[in-house]
C-alpha atoms as a PDB file:
ATOM      1  CA  SER A   1     -11.158  12.435  15.167  1.00  0.00           C
ATOM      2  CA  PRO A   2      -9.925  16.029  14.861  1.00  0.00           C
ATOM      3  CA  PHE A   3      -6.408  14.921  15.835  1.00  0.00           C
ATOM      4  CA  VAL A   4      -6.193  12.357  13.012  1.00  0.00           C
ATOM      5  CA  TRP A   5      -7.695  14.872  10.561  1.00  0.00           C
ATOM      6  CA  TRP A   6      -5.019  17.410  11.546  1.00  0.00           C
ATOM      7  CA  VAL A   7      -2.188  14.863  11.294  1.00  0.00           C
ATOM      8  CA  GLY A   8      -3.474  13.826   7.834  1.00  0.00           C
ATOM      9  CA  HIS A   9      -3.254  17.415   6.585  1.00  0.00           C
ATOM     10  CA  ILE A  10       0.281  17.745   7.957  1.00  0.00           C
ATOM     11  CA  VAL A  11       1.262  14.464   6.272  1.00  0.00           C
ATOM     12  CA  GLN A  12      -0.148  15.639   2.932  1.00  0.00           C
ATOM     13  CA  TYR A  13       1.776  18.900   3.260  1.00  0.00           C
ATOM     14  CA  LEU A  14       5.049  17.180   4.179  1.00  0.00           C
ATOM     15  CA  TYR A  15       4.736  14.613   1.375  1.00  0.00           C
ATOM     16  CA  ARG A  16       4.110  17.092  -1.425  1.00  0.00           C
ATOM     17  CA  LEU A  17       6.085  15.808  -4.379  1.00  0.00           C
ATOM     18  CA  GLN A  18       8.846  17.767  -5.988  1.00  0.00           C
ATOM     19  CA  PRO A  19       8.801  17.706  -9.818  1.00  0.00           C
ATOM     20  CA  ARG A  20      11.474  14.981 -10.067  1.00  0.00           C
ATOM     21  CA  MET A  21       9.651  12.691  -7.629  1.00  0.00           C
ATOM     22  CA  GLU A  22       6.324  13.451  -9.282  1.00  0.00           C
ATOM     23  CA  GLU A  23       7.819  12.311 -12.583  1.00  0.00           C
ATOM     24  CA  HIS A  24       9.174   9.156 -10.932  1.00  0.00           C
ATOM     25  CA  VAL A  25       5.713   8.264  -9.553  1.00  0.00           C
ATOM     26  CA  ARG A  26       4.119   8.951 -12.948  1.00  0.00           C
ATOM     27  CA  ALA A  27       6.686   6.713 -14.654  1.00  0.00           C
ATOM     28  CA  ALA A  28       6.187   3.974 -12.040  1.00  0.00           C
ATOM     29  CA  LYS A  29       2.418   4.062 -12.624  1.00  0.00           C
ATOM     30  CA  GLU A  30       2.984   3.758 -16.357  1.00  0.00           C
ATOM     31  CA  ASN A  31       5.598   0.992 -16.071  1.00  0.00           C
ATOM     32  CA  ILE A  32       3.423  -1.305 -13.966  1.00  0.00           C
ATOM     33  CA  GLY A  33       0.132  -0.493 -15.691  1.00  0.00           C
ATOM     34  CA  PHE A  34      -1.477   1.227 -12.684  1.00  0.00           C
ATOM     35  CA  VAL A  35      -4.916   2.455 -13.748  1.00  0.00           C
ATOM     36  CA  GLU A  36      -7.545   3.898 -11.422  1.00  0.00           C
ATOM     37  CA  PRO A  37      -9.836   2.814  -9.884  1.00  0.00           C
ATOM     38  CA  ILE A  38      -7.847   0.009  -8.288  1.00  0.00           C
ATOM     39  CA  PRO A  39      -7.620  -1.679  -4.881  1.00  0.00           C
ATOM     40  CA  GLY A  40      -4.280  -1.903  -3.112  1.00  0.00           C
ATOM     41  CA  MET A  41      -2.587  -3.836  -0.377  1.00  0.00           C
ATOM     42  CA  GLN A  42       0.552  -3.422   1.679  1.00  0.00           C
ATOM     43  CA  VAL A  43       2.137  -6.648   2.915  1.00  0.00           C
ATOM     44  CA  ARG A  44       5.180  -6.213   5.156  1.00  0.00           C
ATOM     45  CA  ARG A  45       7.331  -9.163   6.044  1.00  0.00           C
ATOM     46  CA  THR A  46      11.017  -8.520   6.729  1.00  0.00           C
ATOM     47  CA  ASP A  47      11.232  -6.361   9.862  1.00  0.00           C
ATOM     48  CA  LYS A  48       7.528  -6.737  10.666  1.00  0.00           C
ATOM     49  CA  ILE A  49       8.142  -9.916  12.696  1.00  0.00           C
ATOM     50  CA  TRP A  50       9.680  -7.805  15.475  1.00  0.00           C
ATOM     51  CA  GLU A  51       6.688  -5.458  15.696  1.00  0.00           C
ATOM     52  CA  ALA A  52       3.456  -7.329  15.081  1.00  0.00           C
ATOM     53  CA  ARG A  53       1.846 -10.681  14.444  1.00  0.00           C
ATOM     54  CA  TYR A  54       2.351 -12.275  11.022  1.00  0.00           C
ATOM     55  CA  GLN A  55      -0.648 -11.913   8.678  1.00  0.00           C
ATOM     56  CA  PRO A  56      -0.903 -14.538   5.899  1.00  0.00           C
ATOM     57  CA  VAL A  57      -1.742 -13.260   2.408  1.00  0.00           C
ATOM     58  CA  ASP A  58      -5.032 -15.170   2.531  1.00  0.00           C
ATOM     59  CA  LYS A  59      -6.294 -12.681   5.130  1.00  0.00           C
ATOM     60  CA  TYR A  60      -5.763  -9.753   2.727  1.00  0.00           C
ATOM     61  CA  MET A  61      -7.696 -11.200  -0.178  1.00  0.00           C
ATOM     62  CA  PRO A  62     -11.333 -11.284   1.057  1.00  0.00           C
ATOM     63  CA  VAL A  63     -11.467  -7.470   0.932  1.00  0.00           C
ATOM     64  CA  ILE A  64      -9.989  -7.465  -2.572  1.00  0.00           C
ATOM     65  CA  GLN A  65     -12.392 -10.199  -3.688  1.00  0.00           C
ATOM     66  CA  ARG A  66     -15.362  -8.218  -2.316  1.00  0.00           C
ATOM     67  CA  TYR A  67     -14.092  -5.140  -4.158  1.00  0.00           C
ATOM     68  CA  TYR A  68     -14.375  -6.963  -7.502  1.00  0.00           C
ATOM     69  CA  GLN A  69     -17.469  -8.994  -6.611  1.00  0.00           C
ATOM     70  CA  ASN A  70     -20.017  -6.576  -8.124  1.00  0.00           C
ATOM     71  CA  ARG A  71     -17.833  -5.290 -10.935  1.00  0.00           C
ATOM     72  CA  ASN A  72     -18.322  -6.724 -14.374  1.00  0.00           C
ATOM     73  CA  THR A  73     -14.687  -7.222 -15.326  1.00  0.00           C
ATOM     74  CA  THR A  74     -12.384 -10.103 -16.159  1.00  0.00           C
ATOM     75  CA  VAL A  75      -9.251  -8.029 -15.524  1.00  0.00           C
ATOM     76  CA  LYS A  76      -8.664  -7.610 -11.793  1.00  0.00           C
ATOM     77  CA  PRO A  77      -5.561  -5.529 -11.080  1.00  0.00           C
ATOM     78  CA  VAL A  78      -4.382  -5.039  -7.496  1.00  0.00           C
ATOM     79  CA  TYR A  79      -1.571  -2.689  -6.473  1.00  0.00           C
ATOM     80  CA  LEU A  80       0.806  -4.555  -4.151  1.00  0.00           C
ATOM     81  CA  ALA A  81       3.331  -2.775  -1.954  1.00  0.00           C
ATOM     82  CA  THR A  82       5.597  -5.290  -0.254  1.00  0.00           C
ATOM     83  CA  ASP A  83       9.134  -5.722   1.028  1.00  0.00           C
ATOM     84  CA  GLU A  84       9.302  -9.438   0.221  1.00  0.00           C
ATOM     85  CA  ALA A  85       9.510 -10.926  -3.283  1.00  0.00           C
ATOM     86  CA  SER A  86       8.002 -14.246  -2.164  1.00  0.00           C
ATOM     87  CA  VAL A  87       4.712 -12.438  -1.384  1.00  0.00           C
ATOM     88  CA  VAL A  88       4.300 -11.547  -5.070  1.00  0.00           C
ATOM     89  CA  THR A  89       4.897 -15.152  -6.123  1.00  0.00           C
ATOM     90  CA  GLU A  90       2.577 -16.536  -3.447  1.00  0.00           C
ATOM     91  CA  LEU A  91      -0.281 -14.203  -4.419  1.00  0.00           C
ATOM     92  CA  GLN A  92       0.159 -14.893  -8.144  1.00  0.00           C
ATOM     93  CA  THR A  93       0.088 -18.646  -7.468  1.00  0.00           C
ATOM     94  CA  LYS A  94      -2.871 -18.668  -5.071  1.00  0.00           C
ATOM     95  CA  TYR A  95      -4.962 -16.043  -6.895  1.00  0.00           C
ATOM     96  CA  PRO A  96      -4.378 -16.406 -10.656  1.00  0.00           C
ATOM     97  CA  ASP A  97      -7.583 -14.457 -11.475  1.00  0.00           C
ATOM     98  CA  PHE A  98      -5.938 -11.293 -10.164  1.00  0.00           C
ATOM     99  CA  THR A  99      -3.077  -9.264 -11.605  1.00  0.00           C
ATOM    100  CA  PHE A 100      -0.727  -8.017  -8.896  1.00  0.00           C
ATOM    101  CA  LEU A 101       1.083  -4.820  -9.843  1.00  0.00           C
ATOM    102  CA  SER A 102       4.227  -3.835  -7.979  1.00  0.00           C
ATOM    103  CA  ASP A 103       7.530  -2.125  -8.565  1.00  0.00           C
ATOM    104  CA  SER A 104       9.987  -5.004  -9.016  1.00  0.00           C
ATOM    105  CA  GLU A 105      12.988  -2.888  -7.952  1.00  0.00           C
ATOM    106  CA  THR A 106      11.340  -1.842  -4.678  1.00  0.00           C
ATOM    107  CA  VAL A 107      10.275  -5.432  -3.990  1.00  0.00           C
ATOM    108  CA  ALA A 108      13.742  -6.806  -4.772  1.00  0.00           C
ATOM    109  CA  THR A 109      15.549  -4.407  -2.427  1.00  0.00           C
ATOM    110  CA  GLY A 110      12.869  -4.222   0.284  1.00  0.00           C
ATOM    111  CA  GLY A 111      13.960  -7.395   2.010  1.00  0.00           C
ATOM    112  CA  ILE A 112      17.581  -6.275   2.329  1.00  0.00           C
ATOM    113  CA  ILE A 113      17.759  -4.450   5.649  1.00  0.00           C
ATOM    114  CA  LYS A 114      20.982  -2.602   4.796  1.00  0.00           C
ATOM    115  CA  SER A 115      19.482  -1.176   1.598  1.00  0.00           C
ATOM    116  CA  ARG A 116      16.627   0.492   3.505  1.00  0.00           C
ATOM    117  CA  TYR A 117      18.797   3.467   4.331  1.00  0.00           C
ATOM    118  CA  LEU A 118      19.751   4.187   0.725  1.00  0.00           C
ATOM    119  CA  SER A 119      18.024   6.989  -1.177  1.00  0.00           C
ATOM    120  CA  GLN A 120      16.569   4.486  -3.687  1.00  0.00           C
ATOM    121  CA  ALA A 121      14.766   2.711  -0.850  1.00  0.00           C
ATOM    122  CA  HIS A 122      13.251   6.010   0.258  1.00  0.00           C
ATOM    123  CA  VAL A 123      12.099   6.663  -3.299  1.00  0.00           C
ATOM    124  CA  GLY A 124      10.455   3.223  -3.296  1.00  0.00           C
ATOM    125  CA  VAL A 125       8.595   3.884  -0.041  1.00  0.00           C
ATOM    126  CA  ILE A 126       7.401   7.287  -1.252  1.00  0.00           C
ATOM    127  CA  THR A 127       6.246   5.716  -4.521  1.00  0.00           C
ATOM    128  CA  ASP A 128       4.372   2.990  -2.626  1.00  0.00           C
ATOM    129  CA  LEU A 129       2.742   5.627  -0.417  1.00  0.00           C
ATOM    130  CA  GLN A 130       1.684   7.758  -3.381  1.00  0.00           C
ATOM    131  CA  LEU A 131       0.236   4.803  -5.291  1.00  0.00           C
ATOM    132  CA  LEU A 132      -1.561   3.388  -2.253  1.00  0.00           C
ATOM    133  CA  LEU A 133      -3.093   6.825  -1.683  1.00  0.00           C
ATOM    134  CA  ARG A 134      -4.534   6.597  -5.200  1.00  0.00           C
ATOM    135  CA  CYS A 135      -6.165   3.218  -4.477  1.00  0.00           C
ATOM    136  CA  GLU A 136      -9.900   3.156  -3.908  1.00  0.00           C
ATOM    137  CA  VAL A 137      -9.573   0.498  -1.172  1.00  0.00           C
ATOM    138  CA  VAL A 138      -6.417  -0.392   0.810  1.00  0.00           C
ATOM    139  CA  VAL A 139      -5.801  -3.531   2.884  1.00  0.00           C
ATOM    140  CA  CYS A 140      -2.885  -3.285   5.295  1.00  0.00           C
ATOM    141  CA  THR A 141      -1.933  -3.481   8.964  1.00  0.00           C
ATOM    142  CA  LEU A 142      -2.163  -0.338  11.083  1.00  0.00           C
ATOM    143  CA  SER A 143       0.915  -1.516  12.982  1.00  0.00           C
ATOM    144  CA  SER A 144       2.735  -0.321   9.840  1.00  0.00           C
ATOM    145  CA  ASN A 145       3.777   3.335   9.683  1.00  0.00           C
ATOM    146  CA  LEU A 146       2.877   3.483   5.992  1.00  0.00           C
ATOM    147  CA  CYS A 147      -0.628   2.165   6.656  1.00  0.00           C
ATOM    148  CA  ARG A 148      -1.101   4.728   9.442  1.00  0.00           C
ATOM    149  CA  LEU A 149      -0.071   7.517   7.049  1.00  0.00           C
ATOM    150  CA  ILE A 150      -2.668   6.292   4.547  1.00  0.00           C
ATOM    151  CA  TYR A 151      -5.297   6.173   7.299  1.00  0.00           C
ATOM    152  CA  GLU A 152      -4.507   9.755   8.363  1.00  0.00           C
ATOM    153  CA  VAL A 153      -4.696  11.065   4.802  1.00  0.00           C
ATOM    154  CA  HIS A 154      -7.989   9.228   4.169  1.00  0.00           C
ATOM    155  CA  VAL A 155      -9.480  10.858   7.291  1.00  0.00           C
ATOM    156  CA  SER A 156      -8.256  14.319   6.237  1.00  0.00           C
ATOM    157  CA  ARG A 157      -9.830  13.833   2.794  1.00  0.00           C
ATOM    158  CA  GLY A 158     -13.162  13.058   4.439  1.00  0.00           C
ATOM    159  CA  TRP A 159     -13.213   9.481   3.141  1.00  0.00           C
ATOM    160  CA  LYS A 160     -15.181   6.861   5.033  1.00  0.00           C
ATOM    161  CA  VAL A 161     -12.162   5.068   6.438  1.00  0.00           C
ATOM    162  CA  GLY A 162     -14.091   1.928   7.352  1.00  0.00           C
ATOM    163  CA  GLU A 163     -14.890   1.524   3.660  1.00  0.00           C
ATOM    164  CA  THR A 164     -11.586   2.619   2.143  1.00  0.00           C
ATOM    165  CA  LEU A 165      -9.001   1.194   4.555  1.00  0.00           C
ATOM    166  CA  HIS A 166      -9.093  -2.266   6.125  1.00  0.00           C
ATOM    167  CA  SER A 167      -6.574  -3.119   8.833  1.00  0.00           C
ATOM    168  CA  LEU A 168      -5.832  -6.747   9.610  1.00  0.00           C
ATOM    169  CA  ASP A 169      -4.355  -6.117  13.025  1.00  0.00           C
ATOM    170  CA  SER A 170      -4.730  -3.191  15.389  1.00  0.00           C
ATOM    171  CA  GLY A 171      -6.850  -0.086  15.320  1.00  0.00           C
ATOM    172  CA  TYR A 172      -5.345   3.353  14.776  1.00  0.00           C
ATOM    173  CA  ARG A 173      -2.773   4.473  17.321  1.00  0.00           C
ATOM    174  CA  PHE A 174      -0.447   7.439  17.093  1.00  0.00           C
ATOM    175  CA  TRP A 175       2.968   6.512  18.422  1.00  0.00           C
END
């Protein structure tokens, strides 16, 4: 869609990183061991219940499992952007063959609604966005603004969105 392509270019322009933020993203990648290529997933929980249907973590994993199915590797890292610490624990318990990488500070403060308006929370969201944009495959819900931004950027880059982004709920809508 030309509209989505155009929006994706605007998003990329608006989210150009300043040197300080670029350094923060680089440091975050290094701290969690983020190495490309890697699949990613965004699992929202806290305020999501007011907007869309709950998606259990088990629905996210088939795409990730398919990603690693034909790769000859014993190490299976997955970038995880979430606002709920229990999601990290649940995934690590249910899927011990995978290594879930996430920024512990962003996860710890994501579930606190009042902290979402602090500058550190904004830095966490921008970091999640930048790292998810570096993932080869992303599993998320298009009812999430962050997932829609990723979709728009993927379209503007000419990526085959059906192969690189998998939504568990709705299709793309601009609202």
